[in-house]
């Protein structure tokens, strides 16, 4: 039996969307973060947003 082909574009979109949502969720779940945590969360949100935009805009 052959497996269905893997949609790598969809997989990358899910990963980047999770990064964005998880970083935003951390701000609500863990209040009063340290400076390092804020930098990490903001960087993760930016990477998720930019990555999702790049993967979505790229043609197949």
PDB file of N, CA and C in Angstrom:
ATOM      1  N   UNK A   1       0.836  -1.185   0.000  1.00  0.00           N
ATOM      2  CA  UNK A   1       0.000   0.000   0.000  1.00  0.00           C
ATOM      3  C   UNK A   1       0.876   1.242   0.000  1.00  0.00           C
ATOM      4  N   UNK A   2       0.507   2.180  -0.792  1.00  0.00           N
ATOM      5  CA  UNK A   2       1.242   3.443  -0.858  1.00  0.00           C
ATOM      6  C   UNK A   2       0.609   4.451   0.085  1.00  0.00           C
ATOM      7  N   UNK A   3       1.467   5.204   0.752  1.00  0.00           N
ATOM      8  CA  UNK A   3       0.965   6.269   1.624  1.00  0.00           C
ATOM      9  C   UNK A   3       0.663   7.500   0.792  1.00  0.00           C
ATOM     10  N   UNK A   4      -0.258   8.282   1.286  1.00  0.00           N
ATOM     11  CA  UNK A   4      -0.591   9.529   0.604  1.00  0.00           C
ATOM     12  C   UNK A   4       0.609  10.469   0.674  1.00  0.00           C
ATOM     13  N   UNK A   5       0.816  11.275  -0.360  1.00  0.00           N
ATOM     14  CA  UNK A   5       1.966  12.195  -0.325  1.00  0.00           C
ATOM     15  C   UNK A   5       1.819  13.218   0.801  1.00  0.00           C
ATOM     16  N   UNK A   6       2.946  13.604   1.363  1.00  0.00           N
ATOM     17  CA  UNK A   6       2.960  14.542   2.473  1.00  0.00           C
ATOM     18  C   UNK A   6       2.903  15.959   1.909  1.00  0.00           C
ATOM     19  N   UNK A   7       1.980  16.748   2.422  1.00  0.00           N
ATOM     20  CA  UNK A   7       1.873  18.146   2.005  1.00  0.00           C
ATOM     21  C   UNK A   7       2.785  18.972   2.919  1.00  0.00           C
ATOM     22  N   UNK A   8       4.008  19.172   2.481  1.00  0.00           N
ATOM     23  CA  UNK A   8       5.003  19.861   3.302  1.00  0.00           C
ATOM     24  C   UNK A   8       4.641  21.332   3.521  1.00  0.00           C
ATOM     25  N   UNK A   9       3.975  21.919   2.568  1.00  0.00           N
ATOM     26  CA  UNK A   9       3.576  23.321   2.716  1.00  0.00           C
ATOM     27  C   UNK A   9       2.570  23.480   3.865  1.00  0.00           C
ATOM     28  N   UNK A  10       1.589  22.597   3.891  1.00  0.00           N
ATOM     29  CA  UNK A  10       0.598  22.633   4.972  1.00  0.00           C
ATOM     30  C   UNK A  10       1.259  22.355   6.314  1.00  0.00           C
ATOM     31  N   UNK A  11       2.183  21.418   6.331  1.00  0.00           N
ATOM     32  CA  UNK A  11       2.879  21.090   7.580  1.00  0.00           C
ATOM     33  C   UNK A  11       3.653  22.303   8.098  1.00  0.00           C
ATOM     34  N   UNK A  12       4.331  23.022   7.215  1.00  0.00           N
ATOM     35  CA  UNK A  12       5.083  24.211   7.630  1.00  0.00           C
ATOM     36  C   UNK A  12       4.139  25.315   8.102  1.00  0.00           C
ATOM     37  N   UNK A  13       3.011  25.479   7.442  1.00  0.00           N
ATOM     38  CA  UNK A  13       2.036  26.473   7.877  1.00  0.00           C
ATOM     39  C   UNK A  13       1.529  26.165   9.281  1.00  0.00           C
ATOM     40  N   UNK A  14       1.289  24.904   9.567  1.00  0.00           N
ATOM     41  CA  UNK A  14       0.811  24.518  10.895  1.00  0.00           C
ATOM     42  C   UNK A  14       1.875  24.807  11.946  1.00  0.00           C
ATOM     43  N   UNK A  15       3.130  24.502  11.639  1.00  0.00           N
ATOM     44  CA  UNK A  15       4.214  24.742  12.588  1.00  0.00           C
ATOM     45  C   UNK A  15       4.362  26.230  12.883  1.00  0.00           C
ATOM     46  N   UNK A  16       4.371  27.053  11.839  1.00  0.00           N
ATOM     47  CA  UNK A  16       4.534  28.499  12.042  1.00  0.00           C
ATOM     48  C   UNK A  16       3.325  29.110  12.745  1.00  0.00           C
ATOM     49  N   UNK A  17       2.138  28.640  12.436  1.00  0.00           N
ATOM     50  CA  UNK A  17       0.940  29.133  13.123  1.00  0.00           C
ATOM     51  C   UNK A  17       0.992  28.763  14.601  1.00  0.00           C
ATOM     52  N   UNK A  18       1.457  27.554  14.906  1.00  0.00           N
ATOM     53  CA  UNK A  18       1.590  27.139  16.297  1.00  0.00           C
ATOM     54  C   UNK A  18       2.597  28.024  17.030  1.00  0.00           C
ATOM     55  N   UNK A  19       3.708  28.330  16.384  1.00  0.00           N
ATOM     56  CA  UNK A  19       4.711  29.196  17.019  1.00  0.00           C
ATOM     57  C   UNK A  19       4.105  30.545  17.385  1.00  0.00           C
ATOM     58  N   UNK A  20       3.357  31.124  16.470  1.00  0.00           N
ATOM     59  CA  UNK A  20       2.739  32.423  16.711  1.00  0.00           C
ATOM     60  C   UNK A  20       1.705  32.344  17.838  1.00  0.00           C
ATOM     61  N   UNK A  21       0.826  31.370  17.772  1.00  0.00           N
ATOM     62  CA  UNK A  21      -0.224  31.244  18.783  1.00  0.00           C
ATOM     63  C   UNK A  21       0.360  30.930  20.149  1.00  0.00           C
ATOM     64  N   UNK A  22       1.357  30.044  20.201  1.00  0.00           N
ATOM     65  CA  UNK A  22       1.951  29.663  21.473  1.00  0.00           C
ATOM     66  C   UNK A  22       2.672  30.837  22.120  1.00  0.00           C
ATOM     67  N   UNK A  23       3.369  31.645  21.324  1.00  0.00           N
ATOM     68  CA  UNK A  23       4.072  32.787  21.910  1.00  0.00           C
ATOM     69  C   UNK A  23       3.094  33.820  22.463  1.00  0.00           C
ATOM     70  N   UNK A  24       1.980  34.025  21.795  1.00  0.00           N
ATOM     71  CA  UNK A  24       0.967  34.953  22.299  1.00  0.00           C
ATOM     72  C   UNK A  24       0.301  34.374  23.549  1.00  0.00           C
ATOM     73  N   UNK A  25       0.043  33.072  23.523  1.00  0.00           N
ATOM     74  CA  UNK A  25      -0.573  32.413  24.661  1.00  0.00           C
ATOM     75  C   UNK A  25       0.305  32.508  25.908  1.00  0.00           C
ATOM     76  N   UNK A  26       1.610  32.459  25.750  1.00  0.00           N
ATOM     77  CA  UNK A  26       2.518  32.563  26.888  1.00  0.00           C
ATOM     78  C   UNK A  26       2.381  33.897  27.622  1.00  0.00           C
ATOM     79  N   UNK A  27       2.070  34.962  26.893  1.00  0.00           N
ATOM     80  CA  UNK A  27       1.894  36.262  27.541  1.00  0.00           C
ATOM     81  C   UNK A  27       0.678  36.269  28.467  1.00  0.00           C
ATOM     82  N   UNK A  28      -0.359  35.505  28.112  1.00  0.00           N
ATOM     83  CA  UNK A  28      -1.572  35.474  28.927  1.00  0.00           C
ATOM     84  C   UNK A  28      -1.480  34.465  30.070  1.00  0.00           C
ATOM     85  N   UNK A  29      -0.778  33.366  29.834  1.00  0.00           N
ATOM     86  CA  UNK A  29      -0.698  32.309  30.833  1.00  0.00           C
ATOM     87  C   UNK A  29       0.330  32.631  31.912  1.00  0.00           C
ATOM     88  N   UNK A  30       1.453  33.184  31.519  1.00  0.00           N
ATOM     89  CA  UNK A  30       2.538  33.487  32.451  1.00  0.00           C
ATOM     90  C   UNK A  30       2.742  34.995  32.543  1.00  0.00           C
ATOM     91  N   UNK A  31       1.992  35.664  33.372  1.00  0.00           N
ATOM     92  CA  UNK A  31       2.169  37.118  33.486  1.00  0.00           C
ATOM     93  C   UNK A  31       3.478  37.444  34.193  1.00  0.00           C
ATOM     94  N   UNK A  32       3.887  38.669  34.099  1.00  0.00           N
ATOM     95  CA  UNK A  32       5.104  39.178  34.715  1.00  0.00           C
ATOM     96  C   UNK A  32       6.361  38.429  34.250  1.00  0.00           C
ATOM     97  N   UNK A  33       6.603  38.423  32.931  1.00  0.00           N
ATOM     98  CA  UNK A  33       7.778  37.722  32.425  1.00  0.00           C
ATOM     99  C   UNK A  33       9.059  38.542  32.638  1.00  0.00           C
ATOM    100  N   UNK A  34      10.184  37.854  32.593  1.00  0.00           N
ATOM    101  CA  UNK A  34      11.472  38.538  32.671  1.00  0.00           C
ATOM    102  C   UNK A  34      11.789  39.121  31.298  1.00  0.00           C
ATOM    103  N   UNK A  35      12.851  39.925  31.243  1.00  0.00           N
ATOM    104  CA  UNK A  35      13.231  40.553  29.971  1.00  0.00           C
ATOM    105  C   UNK A  35      13.594  39.486  28.934  1.00  0.00           C
ATOM    106  N   UNK A  36      14.299  38.454  29.361  1.00  0.00           N
ATOM    107  CA  UNK A  36      14.681  37.384  28.433  1.00  0.00           C
ATOM    108  C   UNK A  36      13.475  36.646  27.883  1.00  0.00           C
ATOM    109  N   UNK A  37      12.480  36.424  28.736  1.00  0.00           N
ATOM    110  CA  UNK A  37      11.266  35.747  28.274  1.00  0.00           C
ATOM    111  C   UNK A  37      10.507  36.601  27.271  1.00  0.00           C
ATOM    112  N   UNK A  38      10.472  37.898  27.507  1.00  0.00           N
ATOM    113  CA  UNK A  38       9.783  38.791  26.566  1.00  0.00           C
ATOM    114  C   UNK A  38      10.485  38.774  25.214  1.00  0.00           C
ATOM    115  N   UNK A  39      11.811  38.843  25.227  1.00  0.00           N
ATOM    116  CA  UNK A  39      12.576  38.821  23.971  1.00  0.00           C
ATOM    117  C   UNK A  39      12.330  37.500  23.236  1.00  0.00           C
ATOM    118  N   UNK A  40      12.361  36.393  23.968  1.00  0.00           N
ATOM    119  CA  UNK A  40      12.128  35.089  23.349  1.00  0.00           C
ATOM    120  C   UNK A  40      10.730  35.000  22.753  1.00  0.00           C
ATOM    121  N   UNK A  41       9.729  35.438  23.493  1.00  0.00           N
ATOM    122  CA  UNK A  41       8.346  35.345  23.014  1.00  0.00           C
ATOM    123  C   UNK A  41       8.107  36.229  21.797  1.00  0.00           C
ATOM    124  N   UNK A  42       8.647  37.427  21.826  1.00  0.00           N
ATOM    125  CA  UNK A  42       8.482  38.333  20.688  1.00  0.00           C
ATOM    126  C   UNK A  42       9.209  37.777  19.466  1.00  0.00           C
ATOM    127  N   UNK A  43      10.419  37.259  19.670  1.00  0.00           N
ATOM    128  CA  UNK A  43      11.175  36.685  18.552  1.00  0.00           C
ATOM    129  C   UNK A  43      10.440  35.476  17.969  1.00  0.00           C
ATOM    130  N   UNK A  44       9.876  34.641  18.822  1.00  0.00           N
ATOM    131  CA  UNK A  44       9.146  33.474  18.348  1.00  0.00           C
ATOM    132  C   UNK A  44       7.886  33.902  17.586  1.00  0.00           C
ATOM    133  N   UNK A  45       7.210  34.934  18.064  1.00  0.00           N
ATOM    134  CA  UNK A  45       6.014  35.420  17.371  1.00  0.00           C
ATOM    135  C   UNK A  45       6.375  35.982  15.996  1.00  0.00           C
ATOM    136  N   UNK A  46       7.470  36.724  15.928  1.00  0.00           N
ATOM    137  CA  UNK A  46       7.899  37.294  14.642  1.00  0.00           C
ATOM    138  C   UNK A  46       8.290  36.186  13.672  1.00  0.00           C
ATOM    139  N   UNK A  47       9.046  35.191  14.154  1.00  0.00           N
ATOM    140  CA  UNK A  47       9.428  34.071  13.280  1.00  0.00           C
ATOM    141  C   UNK A  47       8.202  33.312  12.798  1.00  0.00           C
ATOM    142  N   UNK A  48       7.232  33.110  13.669  1.00  0.00           N
ATOM    143  CA  UNK A  48       6.018  32.415  13.265  1.00  0.00           C
ATOM    144  C   UNK A  48       5.234  33.193  12.226  1.00  0.00           C
ATOM    145  N   UNK A  49       5.115  34.493  12.440  1.00  0.00           N
ATOM    146  CA  UNK A  49       4.364  35.329  11.507  1.00  0.00           C
ATOM    147  C   UNK A  49       5.048  35.425  10.146  1.00  0.00           C
ATOM    148  N   UNK A  50       6.347  35.699  10.159  1.00  0.00           N
ATOM    149  CA  UNK A  50       7.093  35.817   8.897  1.00  0.00           C
ATOM    150  C   UNK A  50       7.148  34.468   8.181  1.00  0.00           C
ATOM    151  N   UNK A  51       7.410  33.401   8.925  1.00  0.00           N
ATOM    152  CA  UNK A  51       7.463  32.079   8.309  1.00  0.00           C
ATOM    153  C   UNK A  51       6.143  31.686   7.689  1.00  0.00           C
ATOM    154  N   UNK A  52       5.061  31.935   8.392  1.00  0.00           N
ATOM    155  CA  UNK A  52       3.737  31.619   7.858  1.00  0.00           C
ATOM    156  C   UNK A  52       3.457  32.425   6.592  1.00  0.00           C
ATOM    157  N   UNK A  53       3.830  33.702   6.601  1.00  0.00           N
ATOM    158  CA  UNK A  53       3.598  34.553   5.416  1.00  0.00           C
ATOM    159  C   UNK A  53       4.429  34.072   4.234  1.00  0.00           C
ATOM    160  N   UNK A  54       5.670  33.701   4.479  1.00  0.00           N
ATOM    161  CA  UNK A  54       6.542  33.246   3.388  1.00  0.00           C
ATOM    162  C   UNK A  54       6.035  31.933   2.807  1.00  0.00           C
ATOM    163  N   UNK A  55       5.679  30.992   3.664  1.00  0.00           N
ATOM    164  CA  UNK A  55       5.193  29.699   3.176  1.00  0.00           C
ATOM    165  C   UNK A  55       3.859  29.872   2.468  1.00  0.00           C
ATOM    166  N   UNK A  56       3.010  30.748   2.943  1.00  0.00           N
ATOM    167  CA  UNK A  56       1.706  30.960   2.303  1.00  0.00           C
ATOM    168  C   UNK A  56       1.845  31.650   0.953  1.00  0.00           C
ATOM    169  N   UNK A  57       2.812  32.554   0.828  1.00  0.00           N
ATOM    170  CA  UNK A  57       2.961  33.315  -0.404  1.00  0.00           C
ATOM    171  C   UNK A  57       3.731  32.540  -1.486  1.00  0.00           C
ATOM    172  N   UNK A  58       4.511  31.565  -1.051  1.00  0.00           N
ATOM    173  CA  UNK A  58       5.321  30.816  -2.007  1.00  0.00           C
ATOM    174  C   UNK A  58       4.427  29.967  -2.909  1.00  0.00           C
ATOM    175  N   UNK A  59       4.779  29.926  -4.182  1.00  0.00           N
ATOM    176  CA  UNK A  59       3.997  29.113  -5.110  1.00  0.00           C
ATOM    177  C   UNK A  59       4.448  27.663  -5.033  1.00  0.00           C
ATOM    178  N   UNK A  60       3.571  26.803  -5.412  1.00  0.00           N
ATOM    179  CA  UNK A  60       3.865  25.364  -5.343  1.00  0.00           C
ATOM    180  C   UNK A  60       4.858  24.970  -6.361  1.00  0.00           C
TER     181      UNK A  60
END
